[in-house]
Amino acid sequence: MPTPELMPTFSTAVNTWQCDENDHLNVQFYTEFGHEASAHLLQGLGLGPRAQRAQGLAVTAAEDHVRYLREFRVVDAVEVRSAPVEIGAQHLVAYHEIRNPADGRVAATVRRRIVCDRPWPDAFRARAEAALMSLPEAAKPRSVGTLALPDLTLDDAPATGMIEVGRTVITPDECDEHGCFLPRHQFGRYSDGAPMLWNHLGFDRAAMQTREEGSVVVEMLNHYRRPLRAGDLAVVMSGLASFTSKVLVFTHFLFEAETGTLAACAEAVGMKFDQKVRKIMSFSAEDQARLAARRIKF
């Protein structure tokens, strides 16, 4: 019997508008690559969007775990290859390997948990089982997944020590064909709020940028709790869960503001980044004392 292989599911190139202050691809677009690759993976297993509609199935993302291993810069080519790594009665875990085809190295990995509102069709499940691969060690959680993120309300959040880092409105162009807020833009809300969180922790982001110091995320785990739709009001509350001399573990909670219900929550592993030499920086003893005073408590 042939060994299952990763199938091609996505390809593109990095655009200038997708890059951030570090001149590399922003985190939200890795999520977008995994999102589109997931659709092509399901289609490759016999359950594309047309087949889902024909069978009346509702298929959604429940969780995304991303490891950011190497930078993508402007005009770099991107290719994604994918395979299922777990299949159950109503869920599938997909593995997406994001590479730069110029050198063949893995730039990021995405592990997505997908759920269906009804049991998978027999033919799809059989194809998925035949294509199953083991999740590579490099794609497994390293510094996330140990926190028990509670199902908070917006009113509960300030008591934990989290601060508001974003207050926006969900627009139609940020939603998918079903009118639900796209995963990419959820990650984008976290990324957009990062400067406010760094400032709260005592790091002047504007001054850091003048010194050619940035911040990077190397790993993220996002749980999709309840869908947001166009016109909904969104608030992001964030805080520092833990830290070491080089690593910060953030939590982000995305709420629907009108009802205060939790839409999504995430753990993100961040670091200071020297933009000149492209290396991670250490936190001083003074920094660490300040960080200890600002840790959140659930």
C-alpha atoms as a PDB file:
ATOM      1  CA  MET A   1       0.000   0.000   0.000  1.00  0.00           C
ATOM      2  CA  PRO A   2       1.454   3.436  -0.939  1.00  0.00           C
ATOM      3  CA  THR A   3       2.487   5.779   1.863  1.00  0.00           C
ATOM      4  CA  PRO A   4       0.150   8.814   2.163  1.00  0.00           C
ATOM      5  CA  GLU A   5       1.709  12.063   0.993  1.00  0.00           C
ATOM      6  CA  LEU A   6       1.046  15.738   1.511  1.00  0.00           C
ATOM      7  CA  MET A   7      -1.133  17.118  -1.279  1.00  0.00           C
ATOM      8  CA  PRO A   8      -0.726  20.605  -2.831  1.00  0.00           C
ATOM      9  CA  THR A   9      -3.454  22.867  -1.446  1.00  0.00           C
ATOM     10  CA  PHE A  10      -2.365  26.517  -1.852  1.00  0.00           C
ATOM     11  CA  SER A  11       0.199  28.719  -3.617  1.00  0.00           C
ATOM     12  CA  THR A  12       0.825  32.454  -3.843  1.00  0.00           C
ATOM     13  CA  ALA A  13       3.540  35.102  -3.406  1.00  0.00           C
ATOM     14  CA  VAL A  14       4.049  37.651  -0.615  1.00  0.00           C
ATOM     15  CA  ASN A  15       2.846  41.188  -1.362  1.00  0.00           C
ATOM     16  CA  THR A  16       4.181  44.424   0.117  1.00  0.00           C
ATOM     17  CA  TRP A  17       0.828  45.217   1.747  1.00  0.00           C
ATOM     18  CA  GLN A  18       0.942  41.908   3.649  1.00  0.00           C
ATOM     19  CA  CYS A  19       4.157  42.806   5.492  1.00  0.00           C
ATOM     20  CA  ASP A  20       4.506  44.570   8.840  1.00  0.00           C
ATOM     21  CA  GLU A  21       7.014  46.870  10.556  1.00  0.00           C
ATOM     22  CA  ASN A  22       9.591  44.049  10.586  1.00  0.00           C
ATOM     23  CA  ASP A  23       9.401  43.879   6.766  1.00  0.00           C
ATOM     24  CA  HIS A  24       8.146  40.308   6.913  1.00  0.00           C
ATOM     25  CA  LEU A  25       4.791  38.616   6.379  1.00  0.00           C
ATOM     26  CA  ASN A  26       2.266  39.463   9.100  1.00  0.00           C
ATOM     27  CA  VAL A  27       0.956  36.579  11.219  1.00  0.00           C
ATOM     28  CA  GLN A  28      -2.612  36.881   9.983  1.00  0.00           C
ATOM     29  CA  PHE A  29      -1.715  35.735   6.482  1.00  0.00           C
ATOM     30  CA  TYR A  30      -0.320  32.381   7.597  1.00  0.00           C
ATOM     31  CA  THR A  31      -3.792  31.782   9.009  1.00  0.00           C
ATOM     32  CA  GLU A  32      -5.306  32.787   5.681  1.00  0.00           C
ATOM     33  CA  PHE A  33      -3.020  30.346   3.855  1.00  0.00           C
ATOM     34  CA  GLY A  34      -4.121  27.548   6.212  1.00  0.00           C
ATOM     35  CA  HIS A  35      -7.768  28.544   5.829  1.00  0.00           C
ATOM     36  CA  GLU A  36      -7.708  28.338   2.043  1.00  0.00           C
ATOM     37  CA  ALA A  37      -5.559  25.205   2.118  1.00  0.00           C
ATOM     38  CA  SER A  38      -8.166  23.563   4.372  1.00  0.00           C
ATOM     39  CA  ALA A  39     -10.851  24.095   1.720  1.00  0.00           C
ATOM     40  CA  HIS A  40      -8.646  22.525  -0.953  1.00  0.00           C
ATOM     41  CA  LEU A  41      -7.745  19.634   1.334  1.00  0.00           C
ATOM     42  CA  LEU A  42     -11.417  18.837   1.966  1.00  0.00           C
ATOM     43  CA  GLN A  43     -12.064  19.047  -1.773  1.00  0.00           C
ATOM     44  CA  GLY A  44      -9.142  16.713  -2.428  1.00  0.00           C
ATOM     45  CA  LEU A  45     -10.791  14.245  -0.071  1.00  0.00           C
ATOM     46  CA  GLY A  46     -14.126  14.566  -1.878  1.00  0.00           C
ATOM     47  CA  LEU A  47     -15.917  17.210   0.172  1.00  0.00           C
ATOM     48  CA  GLY A  48     -15.383  20.619  -1.400  1.00  0.00           C
ATOM     49  CA  PRO A  49     -17.733  23.571  -0.851  1.00  0.00           C
ATOM     50  CA  ARG A  50     -20.163  22.526  -3.587  1.00  0.00           C
ATOM     51  CA  ALA A  51     -20.392  19.010  -2.159  1.00  0.00           C
ATOM     52  CA  GLN A  52     -20.937  20.429   1.325  1.00  0.00           C
ATOM     53  CA  ARG A  53     -23.791  22.595   0.066  1.00  0.00           C
ATOM     54  CA  ALA A  54     -25.327  19.703  -1.864  1.00  0.00           C
ATOM     55  CA  GLN A  55     -25.351  17.560   1.281  1.00  0.00           C
ATOM     56  CA  GLY A  56     -26.452  20.352   3.594  1.00  0.00           C
ATOM     57  CA  LEU A  57     -23.327  20.199   5.797  1.00  0.00           C
ATOM     58  CA  ALA A  58     -21.991  23.042   7.927  1.00  0.00           C
ATOM     59  CA  VAL A  59     -18.208  22.738   8.242  1.00  0.00           C
ATOM     60  CA  THR A  60     -16.286  25.199  10.445  1.00  0.00           C
ATOM     61  CA  ALA A  61     -12.901  25.733  12.083  1.00  0.00           C
ATOM     62  CA  ALA A  62     -12.735  25.049  15.822  1.00  0.00           C
ATOM     63  CA  GLU A  63      -9.047  25.652  16.505  1.00  0.00           C
ATOM     64  CA  ASP A  64      -5.879  26.831  14.758  1.00  0.00           C
ATOM     65  CA  HIS A  65      -2.377  26.178  16.056  1.00  0.00           C
ATOM     66  CA  VAL A  66       0.377  27.955  14.123  1.00  0.00           C
ATOM     67  CA  ARG A  67       4.149  27.773  14.508  1.00  0.00           C
ATOM     68  CA  TYR A  68       6.088  30.528  12.737  1.00  0.00           C
ATOM     69  CA  LEU A  69       9.500  29.046  11.938  1.00  0.00           C
ATOM     70  CA  ARG A  70      11.075  31.283   9.281  1.00  0.00           C
ATOM     71  CA  GLU A  71      10.368  34.672   7.751  1.00  0.00           C
ATOM     72  CA  PHE A  72       8.635  35.349   4.456  1.00  0.00           C
ATOM     73  CA  ARG A  73       9.680  38.604   2.807  1.00  0.00           C
ATOM     74  CA  VAL A  74       8.224  40.592  -0.124  1.00  0.00           C
ATOM     75  CA  VAL A  75       7.971  38.605  -3.424  1.00  0.00           C
ATOM     76  CA  ASP A  76       8.842  35.305  -1.730  1.00  0.00           C
ATOM     77  CA  ALA A  77       6.875  32.439  -3.224  1.00  0.00           C
ATOM     78  CA  VAL A  78       4.604  30.427  -0.912  1.00  0.00           C
ATOM     79  CA  GLU A  79       3.308  26.905  -1.278  1.00  0.00           C
ATOM     80  CA  VAL A  80       1.226  24.805   1.100  1.00  0.00           C
ATOM     81  CA  ARG A  81       0.930  21.033   1.201  1.00  0.00           C
ATOM     82  CA  SER A  82      -1.534  19.308   3.485  1.00  0.00           C
ATOM     83  CA  ALA A  83      -2.851  16.057   4.896  1.00  0.00           C
ATOM     84  CA  PRO A  84      -5.318  14.883   7.530  1.00  0.00           C
ATOM     85  CA  VAL A  85      -3.681  13.729  10.772  1.00  0.00           C
ATOM     86  CA  GLU A  86      -6.849  12.735  12.651  1.00  0.00           C
ATOM     87  CA  ILE A  87     -10.414  11.898  11.669  1.00  0.00           C
ATOM     88  CA  GLY A  88     -13.418  11.305  13.926  1.00  0.00           C
ATOM     89  CA  ALA A  89     -17.151  11.002  13.491  1.00  0.00           C
ATOM     90  CA  GLN A  90     -17.630  14.774  13.142  1.00  0.00           C
ATOM     91  CA  HIS A  91     -14.138  16.275  13.254  1.00  0.00           C
ATOM     92  CA  LEU A  92     -10.956  16.291  11.206  1.00  0.00           C
ATOM     93  CA  VAL A  93      -7.524  17.624  12.152  1.00  0.00           C
ATOM     94  CA  ALA A  94      -5.616  18.982   9.170  1.00  0.00           C
ATOM     95  CA  TYR A  95      -1.866  19.570   8.951  1.00  0.00           C
ATOM     96  CA  HIS A  96      -0.634  22.314   6.632  1.00  0.00           C
ATOM     97  CA  GLU A  97       3.057  22.689   5.803  1.00  0.00           C
ATOM     98  CA  ILE A  98       3.871  26.186   4.524  1.00  0.00           C
ATOM     99  CA  ARG A  99       7.105  26.308   2.526  1.00  0.00           C
ATOM    100  CA  ASN A 100       9.175  28.715   0.491  1.00  0.00           C
ATOM    101  CA  PRO A 101       9.684  26.690  -2.712  1.00  0.00           C
ATOM    102  CA  ALA A 102      12.835  28.670  -3.542  1.00  0.00           C
ATOM    103  CA  ASP A 103      14.772  26.818  -0.842  1.00  0.00           C
ATOM    104  CA  GLY A 104      12.249  24.118   0.118  1.00  0.00           C
ATOM    105  CA  ARG A 105      12.412  24.963   3.821  1.00  0.00           C
ATOM    106  CA  VAL A 106       9.344  24.915   6.065  1.00  0.00           C
ATOM    107  CA  ALA A 107       8.441  28.488   7.049  1.00  0.00           C
ATOM    108  CA  ALA A 108       5.398  27.674   9.191  1.00  0.00           C
ATOM    109  CA  THR A 109       3.049  24.901  10.183  1.00  0.00           C
ATOM    110  CA  VAL A 110      -0.690  25.076  10.787  1.00  0.00           C
ATOM    111  CA  ARG A 111      -2.695  22.443  12.632  1.00  0.00           C
ATOM    112  CA  ARG A 112      -6.411  23.092  12.200  1.00  0.00           C
ATOM    113  CA  ARG A 113      -9.268  21.277  13.920  1.00  0.00           C
ATOM    114  CA  ILE A 114     -12.332  21.238  11.653  1.00  0.00           C
ATOM    115  CA  VAL A 115     -15.811  20.231  12.813  1.00  0.00           C
ATOM    116  CA  CYS A 116     -19.001  19.283  10.982  1.00  0.00           C
ATOM    117  CA  ASP A 117     -22.566  19.657  12.280  1.00  0.00           C
ATOM    118  CA  ARG A 118     -23.373  16.099  11.185  1.00  0.00           C
ATOM    119  CA  PRO A 119     -21.340  12.879  10.853  1.00  0.00           C
ATOM    120  CA  TRP A 120     -18.974  12.897   7.895  1.00  0.00           C
ATOM    121  CA  PRO A 121     -20.212  11.098   4.774  1.00  0.00           C
ATOM    122  CA  ASP A 122     -18.837   7.560   4.621  1.00  0.00           C
ATOM    123  CA  ALA A 123     -16.942   8.085   1.356  1.00  0.00           C
ATOM    124  CA  PHE A 124     -15.208  11.210   2.698  1.00  0.00           C
ATOM    125  CA  ARG A 125     -14.240   9.535   5.942  1.00  0.00           C
ATOM    126  CA  ALA A 126     -12.810   6.541   4.077  1.00  0.00           C
ATOM    127  CA  ARG A 127     -10.677   8.818   1.879  1.00  0.00           C
ATOM    128  CA  ALA A 128      -9.484  10.782   4.901  1.00  0.00           C
ATOM    129  CA  GLU A 129      -8.540   7.588   6.753  1.00  0.00           C
ATOM    130  CA  ALA A 130      -6.547   6.406   3.731  1.00  0.00           C
ATOM    131  CA  ALA A 131      -4.691   9.733   3.590  1.00  0.00           C
ATOM    132  CA  LEU A 132      -3.886   9.995   7.317  1.00  0.00           C
ATOM    133  CA  MET A 133      -0.355  10.997   8.297  1.00  0.00           C
ATOM    134  CA  SER A 134       1.307  11.506  11.665  1.00  0.00           C
ATOM    135  CA  LEU A 135       1.661  15.092  12.833  1.00  0.00           C
ATOM    136  CA  PRO A 136       5.376  16.008  12.564  1.00  0.00           C
ATOM    137  CA  GLU A 137       7.151  16.805  15.836  1.00  0.00           C
ATOM    138  CA  ALA A 138       7.986  20.313  14.589  1.00  0.00           C
ATOM    139  CA  ALA A 139       4.261  21.078  14.227  1.00  0.00           C
ATOM    140  CA  LYS A 140       3.263  20.077  17.754  1.00  0.00           C
ATOM    141  CA  PRO A 141       2.564  22.738  20.423  1.00  0.00           C
ATOM    142  CA  ARG A 142       5.723  23.918  22.145  1.00  0.00           C
ATOM    143  CA  SER A 143       4.846  26.857  24.410  1.00  0.00           C
ATOM    144  CA  VAL A 144       1.037  26.972  24.136  1.00  0.00           C
ATOM    145  CA  GLY A 145      -1.854  24.733  25.081  1.00  0.00           C
ATOM    146  CA  THR A 146      -1.236  24.503  28.824  1.00  0.00           C
ATOM    147  CA  LEU A 147      -3.443  27.439  29.812  1.00  0.00           C
ATOM    148  CA  ALA A 148      -7.073  26.735  30.636  1.00  0.00           C
ATOM    149  CA  LEU A 149      -8.616  29.769  28.956  1.00  0.00           C
ATOM    150  CA  PRO A 150     -11.988  30.429  30.645  1.00  0.00           C
ATOM    151  CA  ASP A 151     -15.227  31.288  28.870  1.00  0.00           C
ATOM    152  CA  LEU A 152     -15.183  34.882  30.135  1.00  0.00           C
ATOM    153  CA  THR A 153     -17.641  37.658  29.397  1.00  0.00           C
ATOM    154  CA  LEU A 154     -16.511  41.141  28.476  1.00  0.00           C
ATOM    155  CA  ASP A 155     -17.577  42.367  31.925  1.00  0.00           C
ATOM    156  CA  ASP A 156     -15.389  39.699  33.563  1.00  0.00           C
ATOM    157  CA  ALA A 157     -12.242  40.502  31.607  1.00  0.00           C
ATOM    158  CA  PRO A 158     -10.909  43.634  33.404  1.00  0.00           C
ATOM    159  CA  ALA A 159     -10.766  41.819  36.763  1.00  0.00           C
ATOM    160  CA  THR A 160      -8.130  39.458  35.317  1.00  0.00           C
ATOM    161  CA  GLY A 161      -5.765  42.331  34.594  1.00  0.00           C
ATOM    162  CA  MET A 162      -6.306  42.268  30.837  1.00  0.00           C
ATOM    163  CA  ILE A 163      -6.586  45.591  29.025  1.00  0.00           C
ATOM    164  CA  GLU A 164      -8.572  46.663  25.990  1.00  0.00           C
ATOM    165  CA  VAL A 165      -6.342  46.733  22.896  1.00  0.00           C
ATOM    166  CA  GLY A 166      -8.960  46.979  20.137  1.00  0.00           C
ATOM    167  CA  ARG A 167     -12.539  48.141  19.614  1.00  0.00           C
ATOM    168  CA  THR A 168     -13.847  47.808  16.066  1.00  0.00           C
ATOM    169  CA  VAL A 169     -16.795  46.873  13.832  1.00  0.00           C
ATOM    170  CA  ILE A 170     -16.821  43.697  11.711  1.00  0.00           C
ATOM    171  CA  THR A 171     -17.209  44.684   8.054  1.00  0.00           C
ATOM    172  CA  PRO A 172     -18.714  42.582   5.228  1.00  0.00           C
ATOM    173  CA  ASP A 173     -15.376  42.333   3.394  1.00  0.00           C
ATOM    174  CA  GLU A 174     -13.904  40.616   6.483  1.00  0.00           C
ATOM    175  CA  CYS A 175     -16.474  37.803   6.343  1.00  0.00           C
ATOM    176  CA  ASP A 176     -16.718  34.569   4.374  1.00  0.00           C
ATOM    177  CA  GLU A 177     -19.438  33.375   2.001  1.00  0.00           C
ATOM    178  CA  HIS A 178     -21.607  32.458   4.996  1.00  0.00           C
ATOM    179  CA  GLY A 179     -21.267  35.927   6.520  1.00  0.00           C
ATOM    180  CA  CYS A 180     -18.936  34.783   9.345  1.00  0.00           C
ATOM    181  CA  PHE A 181     -15.815  36.656  10.422  1.00  0.00           C
ATOM    182  CA  LEU A 182     -12.765  35.142   8.718  1.00  0.00           C
ATOM    183  CA  PRO A 183      -9.986  33.594  10.846  1.00  0.00           C
ATOM    184  CA  ARG A 184      -7.354  35.773   9.194  1.00  0.00           C
ATOM    185  CA  HIS A 185      -9.007  38.917  10.517  1.00  0.00           C
ATOM    186  CA  GLN A 186      -9.292  37.476  14.021  1.00  0.00           C
ATOM    187  CA  PHE A 187      -5.513  37.054  14.036  1.00  0.00           C
ATOM    188  CA  GLY A 188      -5.263  40.506  12.489  1.00  0.00           C
ATOM    189  CA  ARG A 189      -7.188  42.032  15.408  1.00  0.00           C
ATOM    190  CA  TYR A 190      -4.696  40.482  17.838  1.00  0.00           C
ATOM    191  CA  SER A 191      -1.768  41.740  15.768  1.00  0.00           C
ATOM    192  CA  ASP A 192      -3.221  45.249  15.472  1.00  0.00           C
ATOM    193  CA  GLY A 193      -3.629  45.424  19.254  1.00  0.00           C
ATOM    194  CA  ALA A 194      -0.080  44.277  20.010  1.00  0.00           C
ATOM    195  CA  PRO A 195       1.480  47.788  20.201  1.00  0.00           C
ATOM    196  CA  MET A 196      -1.051  48.810  22.876  1.00  0.00           C
ATOM    197  CA  LEU A 197      -0.234  45.696  24.899  1.00  0.00           C
ATOM    198  CA  TRP A 198       3.528  46.243  24.611  1.00  0.00           C
ATOM    199  CA  ASN A 199       3.048  49.864  25.711  1.00  0.00           C
ATOM    200  CA  HIS A 200       1.014  48.666  28.701  1.00  0.00           C
ATOM    201  CA  LEU A 201       3.897  46.354  29.642  1.00  0.00           C
ATOM    202  CA  GLY A 202       6.272  49.310  29.695  1.00  0.00           C
ATOM    203  CA  PHE A 203       7.828  49.074  26.255  1.00  0.00           C
ATOM    204  CA  ASP A 204       7.459  52.220  24.166  1.00  0.00           C
ATOM    205  CA  ARG A 205       6.698  50.738  20.738  1.00  0.00           C
ATOM    206  CA  ALA A 206       7.418  54.012  18.928  1.00  0.00           C
ATOM    207  CA  ALA A 207      10.804  54.296  20.672  1.00  0.00           C
ATOM    208  CA  MET A 208      11.512  50.636  19.931  1.00  0.00           C
ATOM    209  CA  GLN A 209      10.843  51.253  16.253  1.00  0.00           C
ATOM    210  CA  THR A 210      13.232  54.218  16.258  1.00  0.00           C
ATOM    211  CA  ARG A 211      15.907  51.888  17.670  1.00  0.00           C
ATOM    212  CA  GLU A 212      15.010  49.337  14.971  1.00  0.00           C
ATOM    213  CA  GLU A 213      13.538  46.945  17.515  1.00  0.00           C
ATOM    214  CA  GLY A 214      10.320  45.133  16.745  1.00  0.00           C
ATOM    215  CA  SER A 215       8.199  42.352  18.166  1.00  0.00           C
ATOM    216  CA  VAL A 216       7.471  38.958  16.672  1.00  0.00           C
ATOM    217  CA  VAL A 217       5.128  36.062  17.348  1.00  0.00           C
ATOM    218  CA  VAL A 218       6.587  32.567  17.023  1.00  0.00           C
ATOM    219  CA  GLU A 219       3.576  30.458  17.982  1.00  0.00           C
ATOM    220  CA  MET A 220      -0.168  30.926  18.410  1.00  0.00           C
ATOM    221  CA  LEU A 221      -3.128  28.793  19.420  1.00  0.00           C
ATOM    222  CA  ASN A 222      -6.589  30.210  18.708  1.00  0.00           C
ATOM    223  CA  HIS A 223      -9.910  28.717  19.811  1.00  0.00           C
ATOM    224  CA  TYR A 224     -12.984  29.724  17.813  1.00  0.00           C
ATOM    225  CA  ARG A 225     -15.858  29.794  20.312  1.00  0.00           C
ATOM    226  CA  ARG A 226     -18.783  31.633  18.645  1.00  0.00           C
ATOM    227  CA  PRO A 227     -19.019  33.220  15.187  1.00  0.00           C
ATOM    228  CA  LEU A 228     -18.996  36.969  14.629  1.00  0.00           C
ATOM    229  CA  ARG A 229     -20.874  38.445  11.670  1.00  0.00           C
ATOM    230  CA  ALA A 230     -20.804  41.612   9.591  1.00  0.00           C
ATOM    231  CA  GLY A 231     -21.991  44.560  11.635  1.00  0.00           C
ATOM    232  CA  ASP A 232     -21.076  43.011  14.993  1.00  0.00           C
ATOM    233  CA  LEU A 233     -19.108  45.148  17.430  1.00  0.00           C
ATOM    234  CA  ALA A 234     -15.820  43.586  18.516  1.00  0.00           C
ATOM    235  CA  VAL A 235     -13.568  44.231  21.512  1.00  0.00           C
ATOM    236  CA  VAL A 236     -10.177  42.596  22.086  1.00  0.00           C
ATOM    237  CA  MET A 237      -8.873  42.277  25.648  1.00  0.00           C
ATOM    238  CA  SER A 238      -5.272  41.104  26.093  1.00  0.00           C
ATOM    239  CA  GLY A 239      -2.737  40.465  28.814  1.00  0.00           C
ATOM    240  CA  LEU A 240       0.525  38.815  29.815  1.00  0.00           C
ATOM    241  CA  ALA A 241       0.107  35.247  31.083  1.00  0.00           C
ATOM    242  CA  SER A 242       3.772  34.343  31.691  1.00  0.00           C
ATOM    243  CA  PHE A 243       7.322  35.229  30.656  1.00  0.00           C
ATOM    244  CA  THR A 244      11.005  34.234  30.662  1.00  0.00           C
ATOM    245  CA  SER A 245      14.146  36.230  29.916  1.00  0.00           C
ATOM    246  CA  LYS A 246      13.327  36.125  26.181  1.00  0.00           C
ATOM    247  CA  VAL A 247       9.724  34.976  25.813  1.00  0.00           C
ATOM    248  CA  LEU A 248       6.320  36.504  26.562  1.00  0.00           C
ATOM    249  CA  VAL A 249       3.122  34.429  26.527  1.00  0.00           C
ATOM    250  CA  PHE A 250       0.111  36.628  25.789  1.00  0.00           C
ATOM    251  CA  THR A 251      -3.593  35.876  25.975  1.00  0.00           C
ATOM    252  CA  HIS A 252      -6.103  37.528  23.648  1.00  0.00           C
ATOM    253  CA  PHE A 253      -9.871  37.428  24.145  1.00  0.00           C
ATOM    254  CA  LEU A 254     -12.164  38.581  21.333  1.00  0.00           C
ATOM    255  CA  PHE A 255     -15.664  39.579  22.466  1.00  0.00           C
ATOM    256  CA  GLU A 256     -18.903  40.559  20.762  1.00  0.00           C
ATOM    257  CA  ALA A 257     -19.425  43.895  22.526  1.00  0.00           C
ATOM    258  CA  GLU A 258     -23.217  44.185  22.430  1.00  0.00           C
ATOM    259  CA  THR A 259     -23.835  40.974  24.373  1.00  0.00           C
ATOM    260  CA  GLY A 260     -20.390  40.623  25.959  1.00  0.00           C
ATOM    261  CA  THR A 261     -20.053  37.004  24.768  1.00  0.00           C
ATOM    262  CA  LEU A 262     -16.708  35.435  23.930  1.00  0.00           C
ATOM    263  CA  ALA A 263     -16.110  34.862  20.219  1.00  0.00           C
ATOM    264  CA  ALA A 264     -12.531  33.558  20.339  1.00  0.00           C
ATOM    265  CA  CYS A 265      -9.509  33.333  22.620  1.00  0.00           C
ATOM    266  CA  ALA A 266      -5.842  32.717  21.971  1.00  0.00           C
ATOM    267  CA  GLU A 267      -2.394  32.156  23.420  1.00  0.00           C
ATOM    268  CA  ALA A 268       0.479  33.849  21.591  1.00  0.00           C
ATOM    269  CA  VAL A 269       4.209  33.539  22.173  1.00  0.00           C
ATOM    270  CA  GLY A 270       6.008  36.818  21.513  1.00  0.00           C
ATOM    271  CA  MET A 271       9.566  38.168  21.624  1.00  0.00           C
ATOM    272  CA  LYS A 272      11.536  41.364  21.098  1.00  0.00           C
ATOM    273  CA  PHE A 273      13.247  41.370  17.729  1.00  0.00           C
ATOM    274  CA  ASP A 274      16.387  43.219  16.592  1.00  0.00           C
ATOM    275  CA  GLN A 275      15.496  44.322  13.072  1.00  0.00           C
ATOM    276  CA  LYS A 276      19.130  45.092  12.165  1.00  0.00           C
ATOM    277  CA  VAL A 277      20.597  41.655  12.823  1.00  0.00           C
ATOM    278  CA  ARG A 278      17.262  39.731  12.647  1.00  0.00           C
ATOM    279  CA  LYS A 279      17.710  38.126  16.077  1.00  0.00           C
ATOM    280  CA  ILE A 280      15.679  37.724  19.278  1.00  0.00           C
ATOM    281  CA  MET A 281      16.541  40.058  22.178  1.00  0.00           C
ATOM    282  CA  SER A 282      16.636  39.441  25.940  1.00  0.00           C
ATOM    283  CA  PHE A 283      14.642  41.272  28.609  1.00  0.00           C
ATOM    284  CA  SER A 284      16.608  43.116  31.279  1.00  0.00           C
ATOM    285  CA  ALA A 285      16.163  42.492  35.000  1.00  0.00           C
ATOM    286  CA  GLU A 286      14.240  45.778  35.160  1.00  0.00           C
ATOM    287  CA  ASP A 287      11.990  44.635  32.321  1.00  0.00           C
ATOM    288  CA  GLN A 288      11.293  41.341  34.074  1.00  0.00           C
ATOM    289  CA  ALA A 289      10.403  43.031  37.373  1.00  0.00           C
ATOM    290  CA  ARG A 290       7.918  45.225  35.526  1.00  0.00           C
ATOM    291  CA  LEU A 291       6.475  42.256  33.640  1.00  0.00           C
ATOM    292  CA  ALA A 292       5.964  40.332  36.885  1.00  0.00           C
ATOM    293  CA  ALA A 293       3.808  43.164  38.198  1.00  0.00           C
ATOM    294  CA  ARG A 294       1.596  43.121  35.114  1.00  0.00           C
ATOM    295  CA  ARG A 295       0.805  39.416  34.827  1.00  0.00           C
ATOM    296  CA  ILE A 296      -2.877  38.565  34.590  1.00  0.00           C
ATOM    297  CA  LYS A 297      -4.746  36.162  36.871  1.00  0.00           C
ATOM    298  CA  PHE A 298      -7.733  34.021  35.853  1.00  0.00           C
END
